[in-house]
Amino acid sequence: MAPYRAEDDYDYLFKVVLIGDSGVGKSNLLSRFTRNEFNNDSKSTIGVEFATRSVRVDDKIVKAQIWDTAGQERYRAITSAYYRGAVGALLVYDVTRHLTFENVERWLKELRDHTDSNIVIMLVGNKADLRHLRAVSAEDATAFAERERTFFMETSALESLNVENAFTQVLTQTYRVVSRKALDIGDDPSALPKGQTINVGTKDDVSAVKKVSCCSA
């Protein structure tokens, strides 16, 4: 049995963003992963919300700070601040609404315009439980993901299908990217002072190593 670790006891803090059209289930994916809750009557998100959850990757504790935003156009002014420092993203569409899949390309472009090239992206086809209403095939989504070099998974926040897997995969792959970056820096202890922000690329990054209350600013 692993020893108990306090809530603020973590090795890495990664900012992950949820993006995609309004109504695709971003908020329920977030609540299912962080609180194991699902709300059938969830209203559209106004502005930005975020929640946290820690997972173990290898022998490290990775704390995810997951940001959720409204998919409506009128909230697009938050774009740059929302993306700043993100090292992982879940790009969500609704498998029963083809238009939400068509818009994935635009969301992906916006994401890549505002984040580092090393960001880990998971394409997520949500509402996979609505099998009789399916409008987007897994084959089409897989082909898109392969072309754009993103990961892909179908989920159901309602049935808790693959929600854990989707988030954990993003966090694990992000950890691999950051670990490689740390190795690239070498063993010079002055190169990466403990508690400082890790820049996965050139953009400002809130993701950090053991930096308590690093995100209060």
C-alpha atoms as a PDB file:
ATOM      1  CA  MET A   1       0.000   0.000   0.000  1.00  0.00           C
ATOM      2  CA  ALA A   2       1.460   3.342  -1.046  1.00  0.00           C
ATOM      3  CA  PRO A   3       1.901   5.878   1.756  1.00  0.00           C
ATOM      4  CA  TYR A   4      -0.676   8.661   1.914  1.00  0.00           C
ATOM      5  CA  ARG A   5       0.384  11.807   0.131  1.00  0.00           C
ATOM      6  CA  ALA A   6      -1.092  15.199   0.843  1.00  0.00           C
ATOM      7  CA  GLU A   7      -3.147  16.982  -1.811  1.00  0.00           C
ATOM      8  CA  ASP A   8      -0.331  19.431  -2.563  1.00  0.00           C
ATOM      9  CA  ASP A   9       2.289  16.676  -2.667  1.00  0.00           C
ATOM     10  CA  TYR A  10       2.989  16.082  -6.340  1.00  0.00           C
ATOM     11  CA  ASP A  11       5.952  15.823  -8.651  1.00  0.00           C
ATOM     12  CA  TYR A  12       4.494  17.474 -11.752  1.00  0.00           C
ATOM     13  CA  LEU A  13       1.622  19.851 -12.428  1.00  0.00           C
ATOM     14  CA  PHE A  14       0.241  19.790 -15.966  1.00  0.00           C
ATOM     15  CA  LYS A  15      -2.319  22.150 -17.423  1.00  0.00           C
ATOM     16  CA  VAL A  16      -4.713  20.339 -19.767  1.00  0.00           C
ATOM     17  CA  VAL A  17      -7.423  22.110 -21.772  1.00  0.00           C
ATOM     18  CA  LEU A  18     -10.767  20.825 -23.009  1.00  0.00           C
ATOM     19  CA  ILE A  19     -11.851  22.256 -26.352  1.00  0.00           C
ATOM     20  CA  GLY A  20     -14.606  21.599 -28.861  1.00  0.00           C
ATOM     21  CA  ASP A  21     -18.066  22.825 -29.792  1.00  0.00           C
ATOM     22  CA  SER A  22     -20.709  23.630 -27.204  1.00  0.00           C
ATOM     23  CA  GLY A  23     -22.778  20.653 -26.080  1.00  0.00           C
ATOM     24  CA  VAL A  24     -20.293  17.899 -26.916  1.00  0.00           C
ATOM     25  CA  GLY A  25     -19.936  16.946 -23.244  1.00  0.00           C
ATOM     26  CA  LYS A  26     -16.697  18.638 -22.176  1.00  0.00           C
ATOM     27  CA  SER A  27     -17.984  19.539 -18.711  1.00  0.00           C
ATOM     28  CA  ASN A  28     -19.296  16.032 -18.057  1.00  0.00           C
ATOM     29  CA  LEU A  29     -15.981  14.522 -19.134  1.00  0.00           C
ATOM     30  CA  LEU A  30     -14.296  16.833 -16.625  1.00  0.00           C
ATOM     31  CA  SER A  31     -16.712  16.024 -13.787  1.00  0.00           C
ATOM     32  CA  ARG A  32     -16.571  12.281 -14.524  1.00  0.00           C
ATOM     33  CA  PHE A  33     -12.771  12.260 -14.395  1.00  0.00           C
ATOM     34  CA  THR A  34     -12.264  14.564 -11.415  1.00  0.00           C
ATOM     35  CA  ARG A  35     -15.350  13.753  -9.270  1.00  0.00           C
ATOM     36  CA  ASN A  36     -16.846  10.623 -10.901  1.00  0.00           C
ATOM     37  CA  GLU A  37     -20.076  12.556 -11.460  1.00  0.00           C
ATOM     38  CA  PHE A  38     -22.389  12.948 -14.448  1.00  0.00           C
ATOM     39  CA  ASN A  39     -25.136  15.556 -14.740  1.00  0.00           C
ATOM     40  CA  ASN A  40     -27.840  14.965 -17.338  1.00  0.00           C
ATOM     41  CA  ASP A  41     -29.028  18.554 -16.975  1.00  0.00           C
ATOM     42  CA  SER A  42     -25.668  20.278 -17.155  1.00  0.00           C
ATOM     43  CA  LYS A  43     -25.936  23.795 -18.519  1.00  0.00           C
ATOM     44  CA  SER A  44     -23.525  25.420 -20.944  1.00  0.00           C
ATOM     45  CA  THR A  45     -20.320  26.522 -19.283  1.00  0.00           C
ATOM     46  CA  ILE A  46     -20.050  30.281 -18.928  1.00  0.00           C
ATOM     47  CA  GLY A  47     -16.479  31.490 -19.264  1.00  0.00           C
ATOM     48  CA  VAL A  48     -13.892  29.105 -17.790  1.00  0.00           C
ATOM     49  CA  GLU A  49     -13.907  26.477 -15.070  1.00  0.00           C
ATOM     50  CA  PHE A  50     -11.164  24.140 -13.958  1.00  0.00           C
ATOM     51  CA  ALA A  51     -10.745  21.144 -11.689  1.00  0.00           C
ATOM     52  CA  THR A  52      -7.791  19.061 -10.564  1.00  0.00           C
ATOM     53  CA  ARG A  53      -6.973  15.426 -10.030  1.00  0.00           C
ATOM     54  CA  SER A  54      -3.707  13.610  -9.363  1.00  0.00           C
ATOM     55  CA  VAL A  55      -2.694  10.319 -10.973  1.00  0.00           C
ATOM     56  CA  ARG A  56       0.380   8.138 -10.679  1.00  0.00           C
ATOM     57  CA  VAL A  57       2.594   7.819 -13.760  1.00  0.00           C
ATOM     58  CA  ASP A  58       5.514   5.473 -13.293  1.00  0.00           C
ATOM     59  CA  ASP A  59       6.690   6.347  -9.791  1.00  0.00           C
ATOM     60  CA  LYS A  60       5.652  10.003 -10.007  1.00  0.00           C
ATOM     61  CA  ILE A  61       2.526  11.836  -8.872  1.00  0.00           C
ATOM     62  CA  VAL A  62       1.163  13.951 -11.726  1.00  0.00           C
ATOM     63  CA  LYS A  63      -1.422  16.551 -10.834  1.00  0.00           C
ATOM     64  CA  ALA A  64      -3.668  17.597 -13.713  1.00  0.00           C
ATOM     65  CA  GLN A  65      -5.208  21.056 -13.736  1.00  0.00           C
ATOM     66  CA  ILE A  66      -7.942  20.644 -16.352  1.00  0.00           C
ATOM     67  CA  TRP A  67      -9.553  23.728 -17.866  1.00  0.00           C
ATOM     68  CA  ASP A  68     -13.017  23.698 -19.399  1.00  0.00           C
ATOM     69  CA  THR A  69     -14.487  26.503 -21.476  1.00  0.00           C
ATOM     70  CA  ALA A  70     -17.677  27.358 -23.266  1.00  0.00           C
ATOM     71  CA  GLY A  71     -17.581  26.278 -26.902  1.00  0.00           C
ATOM     72  CA  GLN A  72     -19.756  29.193 -28.053  1.00  0.00           C
ATOM     73  CA  GLU A  73     -18.227  31.795 -30.312  1.00  0.00           C
ATOM     74  CA  ARG A  74     -19.042  34.699 -28.011  1.00  0.00           C
ATOM     75  CA  TYR A  75     -16.529  33.481 -25.440  1.00  0.00           C
ATOM     76  CA  ARG A  76     -13.652  33.224 -27.898  1.00  0.00           C
ATOM     77  CA  ALA A  77     -11.987  36.348 -26.493  1.00  0.00           C
ATOM     78  CA  ILE A  78     -10.515  34.203 -23.698  1.00  0.00           C
ATOM     79  CA  THR A  79      -8.500  32.228 -26.229  1.00  0.00           C
ATOM     80  CA  SER A  80      -4.872  33.145 -25.558  1.00  0.00           C
ATOM     81  CA  ALA A  81      -5.129  33.174 -21.750  1.00  0.00           C
ATOM     82  CA  TYR A  82      -7.024  29.881 -21.820  1.00  0.00           C
ATOM     83  CA  TYR A  83      -4.368  28.104 -23.877  1.00  0.00           C
ATOM     84  CA  ARG A  84      -1.349  29.667 -22.192  1.00  0.00           C
ATOM     85  CA  GLY A  85       0.838  27.048 -20.548  1.00  0.00           C
ATOM     86  CA  ALA A  86      -1.239  24.077 -21.685  1.00  0.00           C
ATOM     87  CA  VAL A  87       0.830  20.939 -22.266  1.00  0.00           C
ATOM     88  CA  GLY A  88      -2.091  18.625 -23.051  1.00  0.00           C
ATOM     89  CA  ALA A  89      -5.490  18.937 -24.716  1.00  0.00           C
ATOM     90  CA  LEU A  90      -8.637  16.911 -25.221  1.00  0.00           C
ATOM     91  CA  LEU A  91     -10.324  17.961 -28.467  1.00  0.00           C
ATOM     92  CA  VAL A  92     -13.914  16.766 -28.094  1.00  0.00           C
ATOM     93  CA  TYR A  93     -16.691  16.189 -30.632  1.00  0.00           C
ATOM     94  CA  ASP A  94     -20.087  14.483 -30.357  1.00  0.00           C
ATOM     95  CA  VAL A  95     -20.306  11.211 -32.338  1.00  0.00           C
ATOM     96  CA  THR A  96     -24.006  11.922 -32.994  1.00  0.00           C
ATOM     97  CA  ARG A  97     -23.486  15.400 -34.492  1.00  0.00           C
ATOM     98  CA  HIS A  98     -21.353  15.443 -37.624  1.00  0.00           C
ATOM     99  CA  LEU A  99     -20.938  19.225 -37.570  1.00  0.00           C
ATOM    100  CA  THR A 100     -19.037  19.011 -34.279  1.00  0.00           C
ATOM    101  CA  PHE A 101     -16.583  16.653 -35.992  1.00  0.00           C
ATOM    102  CA  GLU A 102     -16.262  18.955 -38.998  1.00  0.00           C
ATOM    103  CA  ASN A 103     -15.337  21.800 -36.627  1.00  0.00           C
ATOM    104  CA  VAL A 104     -12.525  19.762 -35.058  1.00  0.00           C
ATOM    105  CA  GLU A 105     -10.152  20.984 -37.761  1.00  0.00           C
ATOM    106  CA  ARG A 106     -10.753  24.625 -36.819  1.00  0.00           C
ATOM    107  CA  TRP A 107     -10.332  23.883 -33.108  1.00  0.00           C
ATOM    108  CA  LEU A 108      -7.106  22.032 -33.823  1.00  0.00           C
ATOM    109  CA  LYS A 109      -5.709  24.946 -35.800  1.00  0.00           C
ATOM    110  CA  GLU A 110      -6.573  27.372 -33.000  1.00  0.00           C
ATOM    111  CA  LEU A 111      -4.985  25.056 -30.426  1.00  0.00           C
ATOM    112  CA  ARG A 112      -1.785  24.739 -32.410  1.00  0.00           C
ATOM    113  CA  ASP A 113      -1.652  28.489 -33.059  1.00  0.00           C
ATOM    114  CA  HIS A 114      -1.635  29.162 -29.306  1.00  0.00           C
ATOM    115  CA  THR A 115       0.422  26.310 -27.853  1.00  0.00           C
ATOM    116  CA  ASP A 116       3.815  24.698 -28.194  1.00  0.00           C
ATOM    117  CA  SER A 117       4.390  22.118 -30.918  1.00  0.00           C
ATOM    118  CA  ASN A 118       5.039  19.441 -28.288  1.00  0.00           C
ATOM    119  CA  ILE A 119       1.518  19.641 -26.829  1.00  0.00           C
ATOM    120  CA  VAL A 120      -0.125  16.222 -26.447  1.00  0.00           C
ATOM    121  CA  ILE A 121      -3.522  16.141 -28.171  1.00  0.00           C
ATOM    122  CA  MET A 122      -6.240  13.528 -27.735  1.00  0.00           C
ATOM    123  CA  LEU A 123      -9.149  13.586 -30.203  1.00  0.00           C
ATOM    124  CA  VAL A 124     -12.213  12.439 -28.249  1.00  0.00           C
ATOM    125  CA  GLY A 125     -15.459  11.185 -29.778  1.00  0.00           C
ATOM    126  CA  ASN A 126     -17.873  11.571 -26.857  1.00  0.00           C
ATOM    127  CA  LYS A 127     -21.422  10.187 -26.364  1.00  0.00           C
ATOM    128  CA  ALA A 128     -20.403   6.785 -27.747  1.00  0.00           C
ATOM    129  CA  ASP A 129     -23.275   5.280 -25.728  1.00  0.00           C
ATOM    130  CA  LEU A 130     -25.756   6.750 -28.262  1.00  0.00           C
ATOM    131  CA  ARG A 131     -24.987   3.991 -30.752  1.00  0.00           C
ATOM    132  CA  HIS A 132     -28.290   4.254 -32.644  1.00  0.00           C
ATOM    133  CA  LEU A 133     -27.681   7.969 -33.328  1.00  0.00           C
ATOM    134  CA  ARG A 134     -24.070   7.698 -34.502  1.00  0.00           C
ATOM    135  CA  ALA A 135     -23.191  10.175 -37.273  1.00  0.00           C
ATOM    136  CA  VAL A 136     -19.375   9.951 -37.204  1.00  0.00           C
ATOM    137  CA  SER A 137     -17.638   6.622 -37.758  1.00  0.00           C
ATOM    138  CA  ALA A 138     -14.662   5.610 -35.658  1.00  0.00           C
ATOM    139  CA  GLU A 139     -12.829   4.933 -38.941  1.00  0.00           C
ATOM    140  CA  ASP A 140     -13.220   8.555 -40.098  1.00  0.00           C
ATOM    141  CA  ALA A 141     -12.013   9.863 -36.753  1.00  0.00           C
ATOM    142  CA  THR A 142      -9.075   7.444 -36.693  1.00  0.00           C
ATOM    143  CA  ALA A 143      -8.032   8.559 -40.177  1.00  0.00           C
ATOM    144  CA  PHE A 144      -8.194  12.221 -39.102  1.00  0.00           C
ATOM    145  CA  ALA A 145      -6.166  11.518 -35.945  1.00  0.00           C
ATOM    146  CA  GLU A 146      -3.516   9.641 -37.905  1.00  0.00           C
ATOM    147  CA  ARG A 147      -3.276  12.438 -40.466  1.00  0.00           C
ATOM    148  CA  GLU A 148      -2.963  15.105 -37.768  1.00  0.00           C
ATOM    149  CA  ARG A 149      -0.770  12.954 -35.515  1.00  0.00           C
ATOM    150  CA  THR A 150      -3.043  13.119 -32.516  1.00  0.00           C
ATOM    151  CA  PHE A 151      -4.239  10.338 -30.246  1.00  0.00           C
ATOM    152  CA  PHE A 152      -7.865   9.193 -30.585  1.00  0.00           C
ATOM    153  CA  MET A 153     -10.407   7.604 -28.272  1.00  0.00           C
ATOM    154  CA  GLU A 154     -14.188   7.299 -28.141  1.00  0.00           C
ATOM    155  CA  THR A 155     -15.723   7.977 -24.737  1.00  0.00           C
ATOM    156  CA  SER A 156     -19.008   8.077 -22.894  1.00  0.00           C
ATOM    157  CA  ALA A 157     -19.132  10.378 -19.903  1.00  0.00           C
ATOM    158  CA  LEU A 158     -22.579   8.872 -19.143  1.00  0.00           C
ATOM    159  CA  GLU A 159     -21.331   5.271 -19.019  1.00  0.00           C
ATOM    160  CA  SER A 160     -17.844   6.254 -17.792  1.00  0.00           C
ATOM    161  CA  LEU A 161     -16.399   4.566 -20.875  1.00  0.00           C
ATOM    162  CA  ASN A 162     -12.740   5.412 -21.603  1.00  0.00           C
ATOM    163  CA  VAL A 163     -12.920   8.723 -19.703  1.00  0.00           C
ATOM    164  CA  GLU A 164     -10.207   7.644 -17.297  1.00  0.00           C
ATOM    165  CA  ASN A 165      -8.178   6.217 -20.185  1.00  0.00           C
ATOM    166  CA  ALA A 166      -8.379   9.380 -22.287  1.00  0.00           C
ATOM    167  CA  PHE A 167      -7.166  11.726 -19.536  1.00  0.00           C
ATOM    168  CA  THR A 168      -4.571   9.288 -18.195  1.00  0.00           C
ATOM    169  CA  GLN A 169      -3.135   8.733 -21.667  1.00  0.00           C
ATOM    170  CA  VAL A 170      -2.723  12.493 -22.170  1.00  0.00           C
ATOM    171  CA  LEU A 171      -1.036  12.878 -18.776  1.00  0.00           C
ATOM    172  CA  THR A 172       1.236   9.876 -19.362  1.00  0.00           C
ATOM    173  CA  GLN A 173       2.318  11.068 -22.799  1.00  0.00           C
ATOM    174  CA  THR A 174       2.843  14.612 -21.465  1.00  0.00           C
ATOM    175  CA  TYR A 175       5.012  13.197 -18.696  1.00  0.00           C
ATOM    176  CA  ARG A 176       7.075  11.372 -21.330  1.00  0.00           C
ATOM    177  CA  VAL A 177       7.585  14.631 -23.285  1.00  0.00           C
ATOM    178  CA  VAL A 178       8.608  16.557 -20.164  1.00  0.00           C
ATOM    179  CA  SER A 179      10.893  13.731 -19.005  1.00  0.00           C
ATOM    180  CA  ARG A 180      12.678  13.770 -22.351  1.00  0.00           C
ATOM    181  CA  LYS A 181      13.042  17.546 -22.134  1.00  0.00           C
ATOM    182  CA  ALA A 182      14.523  17.245 -18.640  1.00  0.00           C
ATOM    183  CA  LEU A 183      16.973  14.644 -19.924  1.00  0.00           C
ATOM    184  CA  ASP A 184      17.926  16.958 -22.771  1.00  0.00           C
ATOM    185  CA  ILE A 185      18.882  19.610 -20.217  1.00  0.00           C
ATOM    186  CA  GLY A 186      21.344  17.120 -18.725  1.00  0.00           C
ATOM    187  CA  ASP A 187      22.439  16.588 -15.169  1.00  0.00           C
ATOM    188  CA  ASP A 188      23.464  20.169 -14.469  1.00  0.00           C
ATOM    189  CA  PRO A 189      21.567  20.923 -11.211  1.00  0.00           C
ATOM    190  CA  SER A 190      21.550  24.622 -11.986  1.00  0.00           C
ATOM    191  CA  ALA A 191      19.749  24.047 -15.290  1.00  0.00           C
ATOM    192  CA  LEU A 192      16.418  23.165 -13.689  1.00  0.00           C
ATOM    193  CA  PRO A 193      16.045  24.638 -10.195  1.00  0.00           C
ATOM    194  CA  LYS A 194      13.564  22.639  -8.145  1.00  0.00           C
ATOM    195  CA  GLY A 195      10.166  24.272  -7.967  1.00  0.00           C
ATOM    196  CA  GLN A 196      10.529  26.223 -11.179  1.00  0.00           C
ATOM    197  CA  THR A 197       8.251  26.131 -14.171  1.00  0.00           C
ATOM    198  CA  ILE A 198       9.110  23.611 -16.861  1.00  0.00           C
ATOM    199  CA  ASN A 199       8.776  25.133 -20.291  1.00  0.00           C
ATOM    200  CA  VAL A 200       7.912  22.357 -22.707  1.00  0.00           C
ATOM    201  CA  GLY A 201       8.540  24.923 -25.406  1.00  0.00           C
ATOM    202  CA  THR A 202       8.912  28.656 -25.717  1.00  0.00           C
ATOM    203  CA  LYS A 203       5.449  29.673 -24.550  1.00  0.00           C
ATOM    204  CA  ASP A 204       4.658  30.690 -20.965  1.00  0.00           C
ATOM    205  CA  ASP A 205       3.868  27.579 -19.002  1.00  0.00           C
ATOM    206  CA  VAL A 206       1.979  27.109 -15.743  1.00  0.00           C
ATOM    207  CA  SER A 207       2.974  23.456 -15.670  1.00  0.00           C
ATOM    208  CA  ALA A 208       5.576  22.960 -12.992  1.00  0.00           C
ATOM    209  CA  VAL A 209       7.598  20.613 -10.863  1.00  0.00           C
ATOM    210  CA  LYS A 210       6.609  20.635  -7.190  1.00  0.00           C
ATOM    211  CA  LYS A 211       5.650  24.263  -7.261  1.00  0.00           C
ATOM    212  CA  VAL A 212       3.027  24.663  -4.556  1.00  0.00           C
ATOM    213  CA  SER A 213       0.340  27.256  -5.323  1.00  0.00           C
ATOM    214  CA  CYS A 214       1.984  27.865  -8.645  1.00  0.00           C
ATOM    215  CA  CYS A 215      -1.307  28.678 -10.259  1.00  0.00           C
ATOM    216  CA  SER A 216      -2.683  31.290  -7.876  1.00  0.00           C
ATOM    217  CA  ALA A 217      -1.272  34.100  -9.972  1.00  0.00           C
END
